[in-house]
Every structure is written in C-alpha cells, then in structure tokens.
Amino acid sequence: SVGNGWLTLLLPILFGHIGEKTLYIFAACNVISIPMVWALYPETNQRTLEEIDLLFSSDKIWNWEAAKTFARL
C-alpha cells in the first residue's frame, strides 16, 4: 500500500531526528484508531453475507445505530 511505502521512506529520517520517540507517534495513532474502529465498524461475527450487507448499507454512521436499524428489519 501507499502508506507502507511512505512509512518505509520516512522511518529512517524520523529515527534520525527524534530517535526512539518515533514510536510514541505510532502508539498515538493506535490509541486514536482503536476507538474509531470500535465506533464505526459493526461486529460481523456469526452473521451471513446478507446480514452484513444490510449492516453496511445503513445510512447511519455509528455502528450501534446501524445495529438498531438492523434489529428492526
């Protein structure tokens, strides 16, 4: 992916300038992304492809709202 390519190019430069503190940048990205994934992507375990299609075709952005809409169907 493009992101991995940029990471490969920039990581030596970042380590050269700020050293091991570079890893704090990646830790912050992970801390930010975990709640985003939890809030935006619904659970798909034990669901059929048709059910997953209904979940992702919902107009709701938050996964709990999409799940409520799915439960009504």
PDB file of N, CA and C in Angstrom:
ATOM      1  N   SER A   1       0.830  -1.186   0.000  1.00  0.00           N
ATOM      2  CA  SER A   1       0.000   0.000   0.000  1.00  0.00           C
ATOM      3  C   SER A   1       0.873   1.247   0.000  1.00  0.00           C
ATOM      4  N   VAL A   2       0.243   2.336  -0.306  1.00  0.00           N
ATOM      5  CA  VAL A   2       0.962   3.608  -0.380  1.00  0.00           C
ATOM      6  C   VAL A   2       1.474   4.014   1.002  1.00  0.00           C
ATOM      7  N   GLY A   3       0.661   3.769   2.033  1.00  0.00           N
ATOM      8  CA  GLY A   3       1.079   4.117   3.391  1.00  0.00           C
ATOM      9  C   GLY A   3       2.329   3.378   3.833  1.00  0.00           C
ATOM     10  N   ASN A   4       2.419   2.108   3.498  1.00  0.00           N
ATOM     11  CA  ASN A   4       3.618   1.346   3.853  1.00  0.00           C
ATOM     12  C   ASN A   4       4.838   1.853   3.098  1.00  0.00           C
ATOM     13  N   GLY A   5       4.654   2.270   1.862  1.00  0.00           N
ATOM     14  CA  GLY A   5       5.766   2.831   1.103  1.00  0.00           C
ATOM     15  C   GLY A   5       6.293   4.108   1.735  1.00  0.00           C
ATOM     16  N   TRP A   6       5.373   4.993   2.116  1.00  0.00           N
ATOM     17  CA  TRP A   6       5.785   6.231   2.783  1.00  0.00           C
ATOM     18  C   TRP A   6       6.443   5.945   4.123  1.00  0.00           C
ATOM     19  N   LEU A   7       5.910   4.980   4.842  1.00  0.00           N
ATOM     20  CA  LEU A   7       6.497   4.616   6.128  1.00  0.00           C
ATOM     21  C   LEU A   7       7.922   4.122   5.945  1.00  0.00           C
ATOM     22  N   THR A   8       8.151   3.311   4.933  1.00  0.00           N
ATOM     23  CA  THR A   8       9.488   2.796   4.660  1.00  0.00           C
ATOM     24  C   THR A   8      10.457   3.926   4.330  1.00  0.00           C
ATOM     25  N   LEU A   9       9.984   4.922   3.623  1.00  0.00           N
ATOM     26  CA  LEU A   9      10.850   6.042   3.261  1.00  0.00           C
ATOM     27  C   LEU A   9      11.099   6.998   4.424  1.00  0.00           C
ATOM     28  N   LEU A  10      10.091   7.230   5.242  1.00  0.00           N
ATOM     29  CA  LEU A  10      10.196   8.248   6.289  1.00  0.00           C
ATOM     30  C   LEU A  10      10.723   7.741   7.623  1.00  0.00           C
ATOM     31  N   LEU A  11      10.603   6.458   7.882  1.00  0.00           N
ATOM     32  CA  LEU A  11      11.001   5.943   9.192  1.00  0.00           C
ATOM     33  C   LEU A  11      12.477   6.186   9.509  1.00  0.00           C
ATOM     34  N   PRO A  12      13.415   5.942   8.598  1.00  0.00           N
ATOM     35  CA  PRO A  12      14.815   6.244   8.936  1.00  0.00           C
ATOM     36  C   PRO A  12      15.054   7.724   9.228  1.00  0.00           C
ATOM     37  N   ILE A  13      14.355   8.589   8.519  1.00  0.00           N
ATOM     38  CA  ILE A  13      14.509  10.027   8.759  1.00  0.00           C
ATOM     39  C   ILE A  13      13.969  10.392  10.136  1.00  0.00           C
ATOM     40  N   LEU A  14      12.792   9.844  10.480  1.00  0.00           N
ATOM     41  CA  LEU A  14      12.210  10.123  11.796  1.00  0.00           C
ATOM     42  C   LEU A  14      13.100   9.611  12.915  1.00  0.00           C
ATOM     43  N   PHE A  15      13.617   8.401  12.770  1.00  0.00           N
ATOM     44  CA  PHE A  15      14.508   7.867  13.797  1.00  0.00           C
ATOM     45  C   PHE A  15      15.777   8.706  13.904  1.00  0.00           C
ATOM     46  N   GLY A  16      16.257   9.229  12.783  1.00  0.00           N
ATOM     47  CA  GLY A  16      17.449  10.071  12.811  1.00  0.00           C
ATOM     48  C   GLY A  16      17.225  11.386  13.534  1.00  0.00           C
ATOM     49  N   HIS A  17      16.015  11.930  13.438  1.00  0.00           N
ATOM     50  CA  HIS A  17      15.742  13.229  14.049  1.00  0.00           C
ATOM     51  C   HIS A  17      15.259  13.128  15.493  1.00  0.00           C
ATOM     52  N   ILE A  18      14.329  12.235  15.766  1.00  0.00           N
ATOM     53  CA  ILE A  18      13.769  12.188  17.127  1.00  0.00           C
ATOM     54  C   ILE A  18      14.023  10.864  17.840  1.00  0.00           C
ATOM     55  N   GLY A  19      14.737   9.959  17.216  1.00  0.00           N
ATOM     56  CA  GLY A  19      15.148   8.723  17.884  1.00  0.00           C
ATOM     57  C   GLY A  19      13.990   7.811  18.219  1.00  0.00           C
ATOM     58  N   GLU A  20      14.115   7.181  19.384  1.00  0.00           N
ATOM     59  CA  GLU A  20      13.105   6.195  19.780  1.00  0.00           C
ATOM     60  C   GLU A  20      11.754   6.818  20.106  1.00  0.00           C
ATOM     61  N   LYS A  21      11.692   8.120  20.219  1.00  0.00           N
ATOM     62  CA  LYS A  21      10.404   8.788  20.460  1.00  0.00           C
ATOM     63  C   LYS A  21       9.487   8.683  19.246  1.00  0.00           C
ATOM     64  N   THR A  22      10.035   8.239  18.130  1.00  0.00           N
ATOM     65  CA  THR A  22       9.224   7.983  16.937  1.00  0.00           C
ATOM     66  C   THR A  22       8.121   6.984  17.248  1.00  0.00           C
ATOM     67  N   LEU A  23       8.419   6.033  18.095  1.00  0.00           N
ATOM     68  CA  LEU A  23       7.441   5.001  18.428  1.00  0.00           C
ATOM     69  C   LEU A  23       6.238   5.573  19.168  1.00  0.00           C
ATOM     70  N   TYR A  24       6.409   6.710  19.849  1.00  0.00           N
ATOM     71  CA  TYR A  24       5.270   7.356  20.503  1.00  0.00           C
ATOM     72  C   TYR A  24       4.258   7.857  19.470  1.00  0.00           C
ATOM     73  N   ILE A  25       4.747   8.248  18.306  1.00  0.00           N
ATOM     74  CA  ILE A  25       3.841   8.674  17.235  1.00  0.00           C
ATOM     75  C   ILE A  25       2.954   7.510  16.820  1.00  0.00           C
ATOM     76  N   PHE A  26       3.561   6.332  16.647  1.00  0.00           N
ATOM     77  CA  PHE A  26       2.788   5.164  16.253  1.00  0.00           C
ATOM     78  C   PHE A  26       1.852   4.707  17.370  1.00  0.00           C
ATOM     79  N   ALA A  27       2.280   4.844  18.611  1.00  0.00           N
ATOM     80  CA  ALA A  27       1.407   4.498  19.734  1.00  0.00           C
ATOM     81  C   ALA A  27       0.194   5.424  19.762  1.00  0.00           C
ATOM     82  N   ALA A  28       0.405   6.706  19.519  1.00  0.00           N
ATOM     83  CA  ALA A  28      -0.711   7.659  19.498  1.00  0.00           C
ATOM     84  C   ALA A  28      -1.682   7.334  18.366  1.00  0.00           C
ATOM     85  N   CYS A  29      -1.156   6.961  17.213  1.00  0.00           N
ATOM     86  CA  CYS A  29      -2.032   6.576  16.094  1.00  0.00           C
ATOM     87  C   CYS A  29      -2.874   5.364  16.457  1.00  0.00           C
ATOM     88  N   ASN A  30      -2.285   4.390  17.140  1.00  0.00           N
ATOM     89  CA  ASN A  30      -3.039   3.206  17.548  1.00  0.00           C
ATOM     90  C   ASN A  30      -4.088   3.546  18.592  1.00  0.00           C
ATOM     91  N   VAL A  31      -3.740   4.396  19.544  1.00  0.00           N
ATOM     92  CA  VAL A  31      -4.697   4.782  20.587  1.00  0.00           C
ATOM     93  C   VAL A  31      -5.885   5.510  19.970  1.00  0.00           C
ATOM     94  N   ILE A  32      -5.639   6.312  18.958  1.00  0.00           N
ATOM     95  CA  ILE A  32      -6.721   7.024  18.284  1.00  0.00           C
ATOM     96  C   ILE A  32      -7.552   6.086  17.418  1.00  0.00           C
ATOM     97  N   SER A  33      -6.909   5.139  16.751  1.00  0.00           N
ATOM     98  CA  SER A  33      -7.637   4.289  15.800  1.00  0.00           C
ATOM     99  C   SER A  33      -8.495   3.221  16.469  1.00  0.00           C
ATOM    100  N   ILE A  34      -8.135   2.757  17.652  1.00  0.00           N
ATOM    101  CA  ILE A  34      -8.915   1.699  18.312  1.00  0.00           C
ATOM    102  C   ILE A  34     -10.349   2.150  18.592  1.00  0.00           C
ATOM    103  N   PRO A  35     -10.599   3.313  19.217  1.00  0.00           N
ATOM    104  CA  PRO A  35     -11.996   3.731  19.412  1.00  0.00           C
ATOM    105  C   PRO A  35     -12.722   4.022  18.099  1.00  0.00           C
ATOM    106  N   MET A  36     -11.993   4.487  17.096  1.00  0.00           N
ATOM    107  CA  MET A  36     -12.636   4.747  15.807  1.00  0.00           C
ATOM    108  C   MET A  36     -13.146   3.455  15.185  1.00  0.00           C
ATOM    109  N   VAL A  37     -12.337   2.413  15.231  1.00  0.00           N
ATOM    110  CA  VAL A  37     -12.765   1.125  14.679  1.00  0.00           C
ATOM    111  C   VAL A  37     -13.943   0.588  15.475  1.00  0.00           C
ATOM    112  N   TRP A  38     -13.889   0.709  16.794  1.00  0.00           N
ATOM    113  CA  TRP A  38     -14.984   0.221  17.638  1.00  0.00           C
ATOM    114  C   TRP A  38     -16.286   0.954  17.319  1.00  0.00           C
ATOM    115  N   ALA A  39     -16.188   2.270  17.092  1.00  0.00           N
ATOM    116  CA  ALA A  39     -17.397   3.073  16.886  1.00  0.00           C
ATOM    117  C   ALA A  39     -17.947   2.994  15.467  1.00  0.00           C
ATOM    118  N   LEU A  40     -17.099   2.760  14.490  1.00  0.00           N
ATOM    119  CA  LEU A  40     -17.542   2.868  13.103  1.00  0.00           C
ATOM    120  C   LEU A  40     -17.777   1.543  12.394  1.00  0.00           C
ATOM    121  N   TYR A  41     -17.209   0.452  12.890  1.00  0.00           N
ATOM    122  CA  TYR A  41     -17.341  -0.829  12.195  1.00  0.00           C
ATOM    123  C   TYR A  41     -18.152  -1.810  13.023  1.00  0.00           C
ATOM    124  N   PRO A  42     -19.269  -2.301  12.493  1.00  0.00           N
ATOM    125  CA  PRO A  42     -20.111  -3.231  13.255  1.00  0.00           C
ATOM    126  C   PRO A  42     -19.486  -4.621  13.341  1.00  0.00           C
ATOM    127  N   GLU A  43     -19.890  -5.355  14.353  1.00  0.00           N
ATOM    128  CA  GLU A  43     -19.431  -6.736  14.526  1.00  0.00           C
ATOM    129  C   GLU A  43     -20.040  -7.604  13.431  1.00  0.00           C
ATOM    130  N   THR A  44     -19.216  -8.414  12.793  1.00  0.00           N
ATOM    131  CA  THR A  44     -19.689  -9.262  11.698  1.00  0.00           C
ATOM    132  C   THR A  44     -19.598 -10.743  12.035  1.00  0.00           C
ATOM    133  N   ASN A  45     -19.211 -11.071  13.233  1.00  0.00           N
ATOM    134  CA  ASN A  45     -19.069 -12.471  13.634  1.00  0.00           C
ATOM    135  C   ASN A  45     -20.435 -13.171  13.661  1.00  0.00           C
ATOM    136  N   GLN A  46     -20.499 -14.367  13.105  1.00  0.00           N
ATOM    137  CA  GLN A  46     -21.712 -15.198  13.097  1.00  0.00           C
ATOM    138  C   GLN A  46     -22.867 -14.553  12.330  1.00  0.00           C
ATOM    139  N   ARG A  47     -22.562 -13.749  11.327  1.00  0.00           N
ATOM    140  CA  ARG A  47     -23.603 -13.142  10.502  1.00  0.00           C
ATOM    141  C   ARG A  47     -23.431 -13.607   9.065  1.00  0.00           C
ATOM    142  N   THR A  48     -24.539 -13.722   8.377  1.00  0.00           N
ATOM    143  CA  THR A  48     -24.479 -14.120   6.975  1.00  0.00           C
ATOM    144  C   THR A  48     -24.053 -12.925   6.119  1.00  0.00           C
ATOM    145  N   LEU A  49     -23.694 -13.196   4.877  1.00  0.00           N
ATOM    146  CA  LEU A  49     -23.300 -12.116   3.977  1.00  0.00           C
ATOM    147  C   LEU A  49     -24.442 -11.144   3.730  1.00  0.00           C
ATOM    148  N   GLU A  50     -25.654 -11.646   3.705  1.00  0.00           N
ATOM    149  CA  GLU A  50     -26.806 -10.772   3.500  1.00  0.00           C
ATOM    150  C   GLU A  50     -27.000  -9.840   4.694  1.00  0.00           C
ATOM    151  N   GLU A  51     -26.813 -10.365   5.900  1.00  0.00           N
ATOM    152  CA  GLU A  51     -26.930  -9.532   7.100  1.00  0.00           C
ATOM    153  C   GLU A  51     -25.832  -8.469   7.132  1.00  0.00           C
ATOM    154  N   ILE A  52     -24.629  -8.850   6.761  1.00  0.00           N
ATOM    155  CA  ILE A  52     -23.524  -7.888   6.729  1.00  0.00           C
ATOM    156  C   ILE A  52     -23.799  -6.807   5.687  1.00  0.00           C
ATOM    157  N   ASP A  53     -24.353  -7.195   4.561  1.00  0.00           N
ATOM    158  CA  ASP A  53     -24.710  -6.225   3.526  1.00  0.00           C
ATOM    159  C   ASP A  53     -25.736  -5.225   4.057  1.00  0.00           C
ATOM    160  N   LEU A  54     -26.713  -5.698   4.818  1.00  0.00           N
ATOM    161  CA  LEU A  54     -27.698  -4.792   5.417  1.00  0.00           C
ATOM    162  C   LEU A  54     -27.047  -3.845   6.418  1.00  0.00           C
ATOM    163  N   LEU A  55     -26.108  -4.357   7.213  1.00  0.00           N
ATOM    164  CA  LEU A  55     -25.437  -3.503   8.194  1.00  0.00           C
ATOM    165  C   LEU A  55     -24.660  -2.378   7.518  1.00  0.00           C
ATOM    166  N   PHE A  56     -23.916  -2.718   6.477  1.00  0.00           N
ATOM    167  CA  PHE A  56     -23.084  -1.710   5.829  1.00  0.00           C
ATOM    168  C   PHE A  56     -23.862  -0.820   4.866  1.00  0.00           C
ATOM    169  N   SER A  57     -25.063  -1.200   4.496  1.00  0.00           N
ATOM    170  CA  SER A  57     -25.864  -0.347   3.615  1.00  0.00           C
ATOM    171  C   SER A  57     -26.711   0.649   4.404  1.00  0.00           C
ATOM    172  N   SER A  58     -26.621   0.611   5.714  1.00  0.00           N
ATOM    173  CA  SER A  58     -27.369   1.545   6.549  1.00  0.00           C
ATOM    174  C   SER A  58     -26.860   2.968   6.341  1.00  0.00           C
ATOM    175  N   ASP A  59     -27.749   3.937   6.488  1.00  0.00           N
ATOM    176  CA  ASP A  59     -27.364   5.342   6.375  1.00  0.00           C
ATOM    177  C   ASP A  59     -26.715   5.867   7.650  1.00  0.00           C
ATOM    178  N   LYS A  60     -26.750   5.089   8.698  1.00  0.00           N
ATOM    179  CA  LYS A  60     -26.193   5.513   9.984  1.00  0.00           C
ATOM    180  C   LYS A  60     -24.680   5.354   9.970  1.00  0.00           C
ATOM    181  N   ILE A  61     -23.975   6.308  10.593  1.00  0.00           N
ATOM    182  CA  ILE A  61     -22.517   6.241  10.607  1.00  0.00           C
ATOM    183  C   ILE A  61     -21.994   5.441  11.807  1.00  0.00           C
ATOM    184  N   TRP A  62     -22.692   5.506  12.944  1.00  0.00           N
ATOM    185  CA  TRP A  62     -22.223   4.808  14.143  1.00  0.00           C
ATOM    186  C   TRP A  62     -22.737   3.374  14.132  1.00  0.00           C
ATOM    187  N   ASN A  63     -21.907   2.446  14.578  1.00  0.00           N
ATOM    188  CA  ASN A  63     -22.274   1.028  14.476  1.00  0.00           C
ATOM    189  C   ASN A  63     -23.457   0.665  15.362  1.00  0.00           C
ATOM    190  N   TRP A  64     -23.630   1.307  16.506  1.00  0.00           N
ATOM    191  CA  TRP A  64     -24.765   0.962  17.366  1.00  0.00           C
ATOM    192  C   TRP A  64     -26.083   1.429  16.742  1.00  0.00           C
ATOM    193  N   GLU A  65     -26.066   2.521  15.989  1.00  0.00           N
ATOM    194  CA  GLU A  65     -27.276   2.949  15.286  1.00  0.00           C
ATOM    195  C   GLU A  65     -27.597   2.000  14.134  1.00  0.00           C
ATOM    196  N   ALA A  66     -26.570   1.540  13.443  1.00  0.00           N
ATOM    197  CA  ALA A  66     -26.780   0.580  12.354  1.00  0.00           C
ATOM    198  C   ALA A  66     -27.319  -0.730  12.906  1.00  0.00           C
ATOM    199  N   ALA A  67     -26.838  -1.132  14.080  1.00  0.00           N
ATOM    200  CA  ALA A  67     -27.322  -2.373  14.695  1.00  0.00           C
ATOM    201  C   ALA A  67     -28.788  -2.237  15.102  1.00  0.00           C
ATOM    202  N   LYS A  68     -29.191  -1.053  15.587  1.00  0.00           N
ATOM    203  CA  LYS A  68     -30.598  -0.835  15.934  1.00  0.00           C
ATOM    204  C   LYS A  68     -31.479  -0.914  14.694  1.00  0.00           C
ATOM    205  N   THR A  69     -31.019  -0.301  13.616  1.00  0.00           N
ATOM    206  CA  THR A  69     -31.768  -0.360  12.359  1.00  0.00           C
ATOM    207  C   THR A  69     -31.863  -1.794  11.864  1.00  0.00           C
ATOM    208  N   PHE A  70     -30.775  -2.535  11.974  1.00  0.00           N
ATOM    209  CA  PHE A  70     -30.750  -3.932  11.549  1.00  0.00           C
ATOM    210  C   PHE A  70     -31.704  -4.770  12.389  1.00  0.00           C
ATOM    211  N   ALA A  71     -31.778  -4.505  13.690  1.00  0.00           N
ATOM    212  CA  ALA A  71     -32.654  -5.280  14.575  1.00  0.00           C
ATOM    213  C   ALA A  71     -34.124  -5.066  14.212  1.00  0.00           C
ATOM    214  N   ARG A  72     -34.470  -3.857  13.749  1.00  0.00           N
ATOM    215  CA  ARG A  72     -35.851  -3.587  13.356  1.00  0.00           C
ATOM    216  C   ARG A  72     -36.233  -4.304  12.067  1.00  0.00           C
ATOM    217  N   LEU A  73     -35.246  -4.599  11.227  1.00  0.00           N
ATOM    218  CA  LEU A  73     -35.535  -5.288   9.968  1.00  0.00           C
ATOM    219  C   LEU A  73     -35.729  -6.736  10.274  1.00  0.00           C
TER     220      LEU A  73
END
